[in-house]
Amino acid sequence: MAKDKTLFTCTECGGTSPRWLGKCPSCNAWNTLIESVAEAGPGKNRYSGAQFAGLAQAQAVMPLAAIEATDIARTPSGIDELDRVLGGGIVEGGVVLIGGDPGIGKSTLLLQALDALQRAGLPTLYVTGEESGAQVALRSRRLGLDHSQVNVLAEIQLEKILATIESMQPAVAVIDSIQTVYSDQLTSAPGSVAQVRECAAHLTRCAKASGVAIVLVGHVTKEGALAGPRVLEHMVDTVLYFEGDTHSQFRLVRAIKNRFGAVNEIGVFAMTEKGLKGVSNPSAIFLSQHSEPVPGSCVMVTLEGTRPLLVEIQALVDSGGPSPRRLSVGLDKDRLAMLLAVLHRHAGVACMDQDVFVNAVGGVRISEPAADLAVMLAITSSLRGKALPQGFIAFGEVGLAGEVRPAPRGQERLREAAKLGFSVAVVPKANAPKKPIEGLTIHAVERVEEAMNVVRGMG
């Protein structure tokens, strides 16, 4: 295999230089040259090897209606919560990128999934670049995966990894992690932007050409985003984020991108001595067990992908100084400031001299505006020192004019609440069901002040 030439390409104008310079010689922009690979020779392409033969064949132009659309075959991973996030299972030739904080359980989950697939008769390959084979074997013993037949390769050179995948033809291959892999075609160190992009591109093309499903483990930055070039997320088919506090036993796996399933789907796991176990009723995690109703607590129903979840919103309002604090955990802090202004203007509840703290219990992050009404009721409950009734839920988006707007799939939210024993609900009028739901008393409101009056009437 001829060694490709290394060039440095400007991200602004596309100009090239044979060596790195602080300033682009074409457009004079500073610090825009990044390492890239030039083709080995005229008419040659570094993706034209045997492993990419399937990609090199040009296809005839056809009308969209003439192309036969078939359902995508999925292989269950053996872990139900992981299959839910993936959209039903692993897709042949699919590329999955999974990121998360160090020690949160990425390698543990993938090793469990590979062992389940291997026991089901599918060949698997675990490529470890951060640990030795003995360390991986030690973890498998600790997880109770006795006599596991998962094939392990301790290697970080891309060319050797591709050769192993081509010779073994596993059904699923895990690369742990993509930041440790390097290619001989580049001179930069493993983990650099050029190395990560180039190695991910080769592995993606290998997956599409051979039909091997490849899972890439990625590092995350201190802000929680996947490290490396943003194009990495565009290359792959599915992007999963591992969330949760390392001090808590519960973990969330969230789908941020999925070409084969729903986005924002989540899987809930509990970390045990024998690894990660799926949680069948995750709403129990996000609801605190109070013997009696307490002020500042309101339960809402949020949607995570196709799954309705009941989450407790807690608020604490306390006397503040001349510059009161507004702090939210799991919710948008800017939206909290907006809701406090709406609460004052349209409901007459003033918090301008109070510290306001809002928290979504269980470490869940709520991004949908349907949490607005529950947040406002929790704040009012804490300010007045009066608890909401037992078995109370609320959801709905609140606008700046004080109107309560409907939340999507409101019927599913209400049915989930009734199933878990909740008896009173305050919801937007547009979400009120035409037929009553057994065991659930529903108060439909159009404005914030109506919701406040309904709650006052319950006390």
Protein backbone atom coordinates (compact mmCIF):
# COMPACT_ATOMS: atom_id res chain seq x y z
CA MET A 1 0.00 0.00 0.00
CA ALA A 2 1.61 3.25 -1.14
CA LYS A 3 1.91 5.88 1.51
CA ASP A 4 -0.24 8.91 0.75
CA LYS A 5 1.27 12.37 0.93
CA THR A 6 0.45 14.62 3.84
CA LEU A 7 -0.82 18.12 3.08
CA PHE A 8 -2.14 20.94 5.20
CA THR A 9 -5.47 22.34 4.01
CA CYS A 10 -6.92 25.74 4.87
CA THR A 11 -10.41 25.54 6.41
CA GLU A 12 -11.23 29.02 5.05
CA CYS A 13 -10.21 28.99 1.38
CA GLY A 14 -9.30 25.33 0.75
CA GLY A 15 -5.72 26.18 -0.18
CA THR A 16 -2.97 23.68 0.58
CA SER A 17 0.58 23.77 1.83
CA PRO A 18 3.15 20.95 2.00
CA ARG A 19 4.00 21.93 5.59
CA TRP A 20 2.23 23.56 8.48
CA LEU A 21 2.30 27.36 8.57
CA GLY A 22 0.82 29.80 11.04
CA LYS A 23 -0.70 31.80 8.19
CA CYS A 24 -2.37 30.41 5.07
CA PRO A 25 -0.28 31.35 2.00
CA SER A 26 -3.44 31.72 -0.13
CA CYS A 27 -5.84 33.82 1.98
CA ASN A 28 -3.49 35.00 4.77
CA ALA A 29 -5.84 33.67 7.49
CA TRP A 30 -4.16 32.67 10.74
CA ASN A 31 -4.29 29.19 12.33
CA THR A 32 -6.55 27.68 9.67
CA LEU A 33 -4.26 24.94 8.29
CA ILE A 34 -5.15 21.40 9.36
CA GLU A 35 -3.50 18.15 8.36
CA SER A 36 -5.10 16.13 5.55
CA VAL A 37 -4.15 13.31 3.19
CA ALA A 38 -3.47 13.77 -0.48
CA GLU A 39 -4.08 11.00 -3.01
CA ALA A 40 -1.11 8.68 -3.56
CA GLY A 41 -0.90 9.49 -7.25
CA PRO A 42 -2.84 10.73 -10.28
CA GLY A 43 -6.11 8.87 -10.73
CA LYS A 44 -5.72 6.96 -7.48
CA ASN A 45 -8.00 7.05 -4.48
CA ARG A 46 -7.10 5.93 -0.99
CA TYR A 47 -10.63 4.48 -0.62
CA SER A 48 -10.29 2.24 -3.68
CA GLY A 49 -8.91 -0.82 -1.88
CA ALA A 50 -10.52 -4.25 -1.86
CA GLN A 51 -12.45 -3.47 1.31
CA PHE A 52 -14.11 -0.53 -0.46
CA ALA A 53 -14.94 -2.34 -3.72
CA GLY A 54 -18.66 -2.16 -3.04
CA LEU A 55 -18.50 1.62 -2.78
CA ALA A 56 -16.52 2.12 -5.95
CA GLN A 57 -19.24 0.81 -8.25
CA ALA A 58 -21.30 3.60 -9.78
CA GLN A 59 -25.07 3.05 -9.78
CA ALA A 60 -27.47 4.01 -12.52
CA VAL A 61 -29.69 7.06 -12.06
CA MET A 62 -33.23 5.97 -11.22
CA PRO A 63 -36.46 7.75 -10.29
CA LEU A 64 -37.22 7.60 -6.59
CA ALA A 65 -40.50 5.75 -7.22
CA ALA A 66 -38.63 3.01 -9.10
CA ILE A 67 -36.26 2.23 -6.23
CA GLU A 68 -37.42 -0.72 -4.16
CA ALA A 69 -37.76 0.23 -0.49
CA THR A 70 -37.28 -2.64 1.92
CA ASP A 71 -37.48 -2.73 5.69
CA ILE A 72 -34.15 -2.54 7.44
CA ALA A 73 -33.24 -5.81 9.13
CA ARG A 74 -32.29 -5.40 12.77
CA THR A 75 -30.42 -7.73 15.07
CA PRO A 76 -31.37 -7.53 18.77
CA SER A 77 -28.36 -6.77 20.94
CA GLY A 78 -29.69 -8.83 23.84
CA ILE A 79 -30.18 -5.68 25.97
CA ASP A 80 -33.74 -4.34 25.63
CA GLU A 81 -33.00 -0.77 26.74
CA LEU A 82 -30.10 -0.51 24.26
CA ASP A 83 -32.31 -1.86 21.47
CA ARG A 84 -34.93 0.80 22.30
CA VAL A 85 -32.38 3.58 21.85
CA LEU A 86 -31.02 2.07 18.63
CA GLY A 87 -34.53 1.89 17.17
CA GLY A 88 -35.05 -1.87 17.54
CA GLY A 89 -31.59 -3.36 17.27
CA ILE A 90 -28.29 -3.26 15.39
CA VAL A 91 -28.43 -2.55 11.66
CA GLU A 92 -26.12 -4.35 9.25
CA GLY A 93 -23.45 -1.93 8.04
CA GLY A 94 -24.57 0.75 10.51
CA VAL A 95 -22.07 2.95 12.33
CA VAL A 96 -22.86 3.99 15.92
CA LEU A 97 -20.94 6.63 17.87
CA ILE A 98 -21.37 6.52 21.66
CA GLY A 99 -19.88 9.11 23.99
CA GLY A 100 -19.91 9.77 27.71
CA ASP A 101 -17.86 10.79 30.72
CA PRO A 102 -14.96 8.56 31.79
CA GLY A 103 -16.05 5.65 33.98
CA ILE A 104 -19.76 6.05 33.28
CA GLY A 105 -20.12 2.55 31.77
CA LYS A 106 -19.62 2.75 27.98
CA SER A 107 -17.15 -0.12 27.77
CA THR A 108 -19.14 -2.18 30.28
CA LEU A 109 -22.38 -1.87 28.30
CA LEU A 110 -20.74 -2.68 24.97
CA LEU A 111 -18.89 -5.68 26.38
CA GLN A 112 -22.19 -7.02 27.75
CA ALA A 113 -23.89 -6.48 24.37
CA LEU A 114 -21.07 -8.20 22.46
CA ASP A 115 -21.18 -11.18 24.82
CA ALA A 116 -24.95 -11.51 24.31
CA LEU A 117 -24.51 -11.37 20.51
CA GLN A 118 -21.66 -13.91 20.63
CA ARG A 119 -23.79 -16.30 22.69
CA ALA A 120 -26.56 -15.86 20.09
CA GLY A 121 -24.18 -17.21 17.44
CA LEU A 122 -22.95 -13.97 15.85
CA PRO A 123 -19.18 -13.35 15.50
CA THR A 124 -18.03 -10.20 17.33
CA LEU A 125 -14.82 -8.22 17.69
CA TYR A 126 -13.80 -5.87 20.51
CA VAL A 127 -10.90 -3.60 19.56
CA THR A 128 -9.39 -1.98 22.63
CA GLY A 129 -6.95 0.88 22.33
CA GLU A 130 -7.03 2.03 25.94
CA GLU A 131 -6.67 -1.28 27.79
CA SER A 132 -4.78 -4.49 27.34
CA GLY A 133 -6.49 -7.78 26.58
CA ALA A 134 -5.87 -8.90 30.15
CA GLN A 135 -7.69 -5.84 31.51
CA VAL A 136 -10.70 -6.52 29.28
CA ALA A 137 -10.70 -10.16 30.42
CA LEU A 138 -10.58 -9.03 34.04
CA ARG A 139 -13.61 -6.81 33.50
CA SER A 140 -15.53 -9.63 31.85
CA ARG A 141 -14.88 -11.85 34.88
CA ARG A 142 -16.06 -9.06 37.17
CA LEU A 143 -19.28 -8.76 35.14
CA GLY A 144 -19.93 -12.47 35.43
CA LEU A 145 -19.33 -13.14 31.72
CA ASP A 146 -17.67 -16.48 32.34
CA HIS A 147 -16.22 -18.32 29.34
CA SER A 148 -17.03 -15.37 27.05
CA GLN A 149 -16.05 -16.04 23.43
CA VAL A 150 -15.89 -12.38 22.35
CA ASN A 151 -12.79 -11.85 20.19
CA VAL A 152 -10.50 -9.14 21.58
CA LEU A 153 -7.85 -7.20 19.63
CA ALA A 154 -5.56 -4.78 21.46
CA GLU A 155 -4.50 -2.50 18.60
CA ILE A 156 -4.52 1.20 17.71
CA GLN A 157 -3.15 1.17 14.13
CA LEU A 158 -5.99 1.69 11.67
CA GLU A 159 -4.55 -0.43 8.87
CA LYS A 160 -4.19 -3.49 11.13
CA ILE A 161 -7.71 -3.02 12.50
CA LEU A 162 -9.17 -2.83 8.97
CA ALA A 163 -7.23 -5.93 7.93
CA THR A 164 -8.56 -7.85 10.96
CA ILE A 165 -12.14 -6.81 10.24
CA GLU A 166 -11.76 -7.80 6.59
CA SER A 167 -10.36 -11.24 7.45
CA MET A 168 -12.70 -12.04 10.37
CA GLN A 169 -15.91 -10.46 8.98
CA PRO A 170 -17.58 -10.07 12.39
CA ALA A 171 -21.24 -9.11 12.61
CA VAL A 172 -20.43 -6.33 15.09
CA ALA A 173 -17.11 -4.63 15.85
CA VAL A 174 -16.48 -2.17 18.69
CA ILE A 175 -13.64 0.36 18.50
CA ASP A 176 -12.81 1.57 22.01
CA SER A 177 -11.98 4.35 21.44
CA ILE A 178 -11.75 6.26 18.14
CA GLN A 179 -9.45 8.86 19.77
CA THR A 180 -6.74 6.23 20.29
CA VAL A 181 -6.68 4.97 16.68
CA TYR A 182 -4.11 6.38 14.26
CA SER A 183 -3.30 5.93 10.59
CA ASP A 184 0.19 5.62 9.11
CA GLN A 185 -0.92 8.00 6.36
CA LEU A 186 -0.82 10.92 8.78
CA THR A 187 2.04 12.21 10.89
CA SER A 188 -0.06 13.80 13.64
CA ALA A 189 -0.62 12.13 17.01
CA PRO A 190 -3.63 9.91 17.82
CA GLY A 191 -6.59 11.97 18.97
CA SER A 192 -5.84 14.96 16.75
CA VAL A 193 -8.58 16.35 14.52
CA ALA A 194 -7.03 14.94 11.35
CA GLN A 195 -6.46 11.45 12.80
CA VAL A 196 -9.97 11.16 14.27
CA ARG A 197 -11.62 12.35 11.05
CA GLU A 198 -9.52 10.15 8.77
CA CYS A 199 -9.83 7.00 10.89
CA ALA A 200 -13.59 7.44 11.32
CA ALA A 201 -13.99 7.93 7.57
CA HIS A 202 -12.09 4.70 6.80
CA LEU A 203 -14.05 2.70 9.38
CA THR A 204 -17.37 4.08 8.13
CA ARG A 205 -16.58 3.14 4.55
CA CYS A 206 -15.45 -0.29 5.71
CA ALA A 207 -18.79 -0.81 7.48
CA LYS A 208 -20.83 0.24 4.44
CA ALA A 209 -18.83 -1.92 2.06
CA SER A 210 -18.60 -5.07 4.19
CA GLY A 211 -21.90 -4.94 6.10
CA VAL A 212 -20.13 -5.08 9.47
CA ALA A 213 -21.87 -2.99 12.13
CA ILE A 214 -19.24 -0.80 13.82
CA VAL A 215 -19.60 0.94 17.17
CA LEU A 216 -17.18 3.79 17.86
CA VAL A 217 -16.58 4.88 21.44
CA GLY A 218 -15.80 8.60 21.68
CA HIS A 219 -14.38 10.81 24.39
CA VAL A 220 -16.27 13.88 25.55
CA THR A 221 -15.06 17.36 26.42
CA LYS A 222 -15.57 19.02 29.81
CA GLU A 223 -18.71 20.66 28.38
CA GLY A 224 -20.13 17.20 27.67
CA ALA A 225 -19.89 17.33 23.85
CA LEU A 226 -18.12 14.65 21.82
CA ALA A 227 -14.46 15.47 21.38
CA GLY A 228 -12.98 15.79 17.91
CA PRO A 229 -14.27 17.35 14.69
CA ARG A 230 -18.00 18.00 14.39
CA VAL A 231 -17.96 16.13 11.08
CA LEU A 232 -17.53 12.93 13.12
CA GLU A 233 -21.21 13.07 14.11
CA HIS A 234 -22.24 13.69 10.49
CA MET A 235 -20.33 10.62 9.24
CA VAL A 236 -22.04 8.06 11.46
CA ASP A 237 -25.62 6.77 11.37
CA THR A 238 -26.39 6.97 15.10
CA VAL A 239 -25.04 9.16 17.89
CA LEU A 240 -25.66 8.08 21.50
CA TYR A 241 -24.78 9.97 24.67
CA PHE A 242 -24.24 8.27 28.01
CA GLU A 243 -25.60 10.53 30.75
CA GLY A 244 -25.81 10.36 34.50
CA ASP A 245 -23.89 11.05 37.66
CA THR A 246 -21.02 8.64 38.33
CA HIS A 247 -21.99 8.82 42.02
CA SER A 248 -25.49 7.52 41.23
CA GLN A 249 -26.34 3.98 40.18
CA PHE A 250 -28.60 5.09 37.32
CA ARG A 251 -27.47 5.84 33.78
CA LEU A 252 -29.29 7.22 30.74
CA VAL A 253 -28.39 6.49 27.13
CA ARG A 254 -29.89 9.11 24.83
CA ALA A 255 -30.09 9.02 21.01
CA ILE A 256 -29.14 12.43 19.58
CA LYS A 257 -29.11 11.26 15.97
CA ASN A 258 -30.50 8.08 14.44
CA ARG A 259 -31.00 7.39 10.76
CA PHE A 260 -32.80 4.15 11.60
CA GLY A 261 -35.03 5.21 14.49
CA ALA A 262 -36.43 7.99 16.66
CA VAL A 263 -34.17 10.69 18.09
CA ASN A 264 -34.25 11.71 21.76
CA GLU A 265 -35.17 8.14 22.66
CA ILE A 266 -33.64 7.11 25.98
CA GLY A 267 -32.67 3.87 27.63
CA VAL A 268 -32.43 3.69 31.42
CA PHE A 269 -29.90 1.46 33.17
CA ALA A 270 -28.90 0.70 36.73
CA MET A 271 -25.25 0.00 37.51
CA THR A 272 -24.92 -3.17 39.57
CA GLU A 273 -22.09 -5.46 40.63
CA LYS A 274 -22.77 -7.53 37.50
CA GLY A 275 -22.81 -4.59 35.10
CA LEU A 276 -25.61 -2.49 33.66
CA LYS A 277 -29.18 -3.74 33.93
CA GLY A 278 -32.15 -2.24 32.09
CA VAL A 279 -34.81 -0.46 34.16
CA SER A 280 -38.31 -1.43 33.00
CA ASN A 281 -40.15 1.31 34.96
CA PRO A 282 -37.89 4.38 34.82
CA SER A 283 -40.55 6.77 36.17
CA ALA A 284 -39.85 5.36 39.64
CA ILE A 285 -36.32 6.79 39.44
CA PHE A 286 -37.45 10.35 38.85
CA LEU A 287 -40.14 10.42 41.56
CA SER A 288 -39.07 11.02 45.16
CA GLN A 289 -40.88 8.97 47.76
CA HIS A 290 -42.53 11.47 50.10
CA SER A 291 -44.64 10.04 52.91
CA GLU A 292 -46.69 13.26 52.80
CA PRO A 293 -46.94 15.97 50.10
CA VAL A 294 -44.26 18.64 50.55
CA PRO A 295 -44.22 22.28 49.37
CA GLY A 296 -42.25 23.01 46.21
CA SER A 297 -42.83 19.66 44.50
CA CYS A 298 -44.84 19.06 41.32
CA VAL A 299 -44.86 15.99 39.09
CA MET A 300 -45.00 16.34 35.30
CA VAL A 301 -45.12 13.90 32.38
CA THR A 302 -42.37 14.43 29.84
CA LEU A 303 -41.74 12.61 26.56
CA GLU A 304 -38.36 11.07 25.81
CA GLY A 305 -38.63 9.76 22.27
CA THR A 306 -41.62 7.42 22.29
CA ARG A 307 -41.63 6.92 26.07
CA PRO A 308 -43.67 9.04 28.52
CA LEU A 309 -41.83 9.55 31.80
CA LEU A 310 -43.07 11.00 35.07
CA VAL A 311 -40.51 13.38 36.55
CA GLU A 312 -40.69 15.31 39.78
CA ILE A 313 -39.89 19.03 39.52
CA GLN A 314 -38.68 20.52 42.79
CA ALA A 315 -38.47 24.24 43.53
CA LEU A 316 -37.06 26.13 46.48
CA VAL A 317 -37.85 29.82 46.94
CA ASP A 318 -35.93 31.59 49.69
CA SER A 319 -35.28 35.19 50.63
CA GLY A 320 -32.42 36.64 48.63
CA GLY A 321 -30.32 39.78 48.66
CA PRO A 322 -30.23 42.70 46.24
CA SER A 323 -29.19 40.30 43.44
CA PRO A 324 -31.39 37.20 43.80
CA ARG A 325 -30.11 33.99 42.25
CA ARG A 326 -31.91 31.88 39.64
CA LEU A 327 -30.48 28.38 39.35
CA SER A 328 -31.88 25.38 37.52
CA VAL A 329 -30.56 21.83 37.20
CA GLY A 330 -31.91 19.73 34.33
CA LEU A 331 -33.93 22.67 32.95
CA ASP A 332 -33.12 25.74 30.84
CA LYS A 333 -32.06 28.55 33.19
CA ASP A 334 -33.00 31.25 30.65
CA ARG A 335 -36.49 29.81 30.40
CA LEU A 336 -36.72 29.88 34.20
CA ALA A 337 -36.18 33.66 34.18
CA MET A 338 -38.91 34.02 31.55
CA LEU A 339 -41.37 31.92 33.56
CA LEU A 340 -40.77 34.02 36.68
CA ALA A 341 -41.63 37.16 34.70
CA VAL A 342 -44.83 35.54 33.35
CA LEU A 343 -45.73 34.37 36.85
CA HIS A 344 -45.44 37.91 38.18
CA ARG A 345 -47.21 39.65 35.31
CA HIS A 346 -50.15 37.31 34.75
CA ALA A 347 -50.59 35.47 38.06
CA GLY A 348 -49.53 38.13 40.54
CA VAL A 349 -46.83 35.94 42.13
CA ALA A 350 -43.73 38.07 42.74
CA CYS A 351 -40.27 36.54 43.23
CA MET A 352 -38.09 39.53 42.37
CA ASP A 353 -36.47 39.60 45.84
CA GLN A 354 -36.27 35.81 46.24
CA ASP A 355 -33.64 33.21 45.35
CA VAL A 356 -35.25 30.57 43.11
CA PHE A 357 -33.76 27.09 42.70
CA VAL A 358 -35.36 24.49 40.40
CA ASN A 359 -34.29 20.86 39.99
CA ALA A 360 -35.46 17.90 37.90
CA VAL A 361 -35.11 14.87 40.19
CA GLY A 362 -32.99 11.90 39.11
CA GLY A 363 -30.50 13.75 36.93
CA VAL A 364 -32.81 13.82 33.91
CA ARG A 365 -32.55 16.76 31.50
CA ILE A 366 -35.84 18.21 30.27
CA SER A 367 -35.60 20.28 27.12
CA GLU A 368 -39.25 20.41 26.06
CA PRO A 369 -41.39 23.44 27.03
CA ALA A 370 -44.17 21.20 28.37
CA ALA A 371 -42.45 21.48 31.77
CA ASP A 372 -43.38 25.18 32.07
CA LEU A 373 -46.65 24.74 33.97
CA ALA A 374 -45.17 22.25 36.46
CA VAL A 375 -42.21 24.57 37.14
CA MET A 376 -44.52 27.54 37.83
CA LEU A 377 -46.77 25.51 40.15
CA ALA A 378 -43.74 24.14 42.05
CA ILE A 379 -42.36 27.68 42.49
CA THR A 380 -45.73 28.99 43.73
CA SER A 381 -46.08 26.03 46.10
CA SER A 382 -42.64 26.69 47.63
CA LEU A 383 -43.19 30.45 47.91
CA ARG A 384 -46.49 29.99 49.76
CA GLY A 385 -45.29 27.01 51.79
CA LYS A 386 -48.31 24.99 50.73
CA ALA A 387 -48.00 21.51 49.20
CA LEU A 388 -49.87 20.42 46.10
CA PRO A 389 -52.43 17.62 46.59
CA GLN A 390 -51.41 13.96 46.72
CA GLY A 391 -51.41 12.33 43.26
CA PHE A 392 -51.20 15.66 41.40
CA ILE A 393 -49.58 16.14 37.98
CA ALA A 394 -49.37 19.04 35.54
CA PHE A 395 -47.88 19.74 32.13
CA GLY A 396 -48.20 22.40 29.45
CA GLU A 397 -46.22 25.11 27.68
CA VAL A 398 -46.68 28.68 28.91
CA GLY A 399 -46.40 31.66 26.55
CA LEU A 400 -45.35 35.22 27.33
CA ALA A 401 -48.98 36.34 27.12
CA GLY A 402 -49.88 33.94 29.94
CA GLU A 403 -51.62 31.37 27.74
CA VAL A 404 -51.19 27.63 28.38
CA ARG A 405 -50.41 25.85 25.12
CA PRO A 406 -50.92 22.14 24.42
CA ALA A 407 -48.15 19.58 24.68
CA PRO A 408 -47.70 16.91 21.98
CA ARG A 409 -49.25 13.49 22.60
CA GLY A 410 -51.14 14.66 25.65
CA GLN A 411 -53.40 11.59 25.73
CA GLU A 412 -50.41 9.27 26.15
CA ARG A 413 -49.08 11.41 28.99
CA LEU A 414 -52.40 11.28 30.83
CA ARG A 415 -52.78 7.52 30.39
CA GLU A 416 -49.28 6.96 31.76
CA ALA A 417 -50.08 9.11 34.80
CA ALA A 418 -53.33 7.25 35.44
CA LYS A 419 -51.53 3.91 35.11
CA LEU A 420 -49.10 4.95 37.86
CA GLY A 421 -51.89 5.94 40.24
CA PHE A 422 -52.12 9.72 39.82
CA SER A 423 -55.61 11.09 40.36
CA VAL A 424 -55.59 14.86 39.61
CA ALA A 425 -54.19 16.61 36.54
CA VAL A 426 -54.00 20.25 35.40
CA VAL A 427 -53.42 20.29 31.64
CA PRO A 428 -53.92 22.63 28.66
CA LYS A 429 -57.50 22.74 27.42
CA ALA A 430 -56.45 21.39 24.01
CA ASN A 431 -55.04 18.25 25.71
CA ALA A 432 -58.25 17.43 27.58
CA PRO A 433 -59.47 13.99 26.42
CA LYS A 434 -62.90 13.62 24.85
CA LYS A 435 -63.53 10.50 26.91
CA PRO A 436 -62.81 10.49 30.66
CA ILE A 437 -59.82 8.50 31.88
CA GLU A 438 -60.70 6.17 34.72
CA GLY A 439 -59.33 7.27 38.08
CA LEU A 440 -58.07 10.65 36.81
CA THR A 441 -59.77 14.00 37.43
CA ILE A 442 -58.68 16.44 34.74
CA HIS A 443 -58.78 20.25 35.03
CA ALA A 444 -58.34 21.87 31.61
CA VAL A 445 -57.03 25.45 31.66
CA GLU A 446 -56.30 28.08 29.02
CA ARG A 447 -54.30 30.60 31.08
CA VAL A 448 -51.80 30.62 33.94
CA GLU A 449 -54.14 32.42 36.32
CA GLU A 450 -56.76 29.70 35.75
CA ALA A 451 -54.24 27.04 36.77
CA MET A 452 -53.36 28.99 39.92
CA ASN A 453 -57.03 29.35 40.83
CA VAL A 454 -57.62 25.62 40.31
CA VAL A 455 -54.74 24.75 42.65
CA ARG A 456 -55.93 27.25 45.28
CA GLY A 457 -59.38 25.69 45.15
CA MET A 458 -57.89 22.27 45.91
CA GLY A 459 -56.40 23.49 49.16
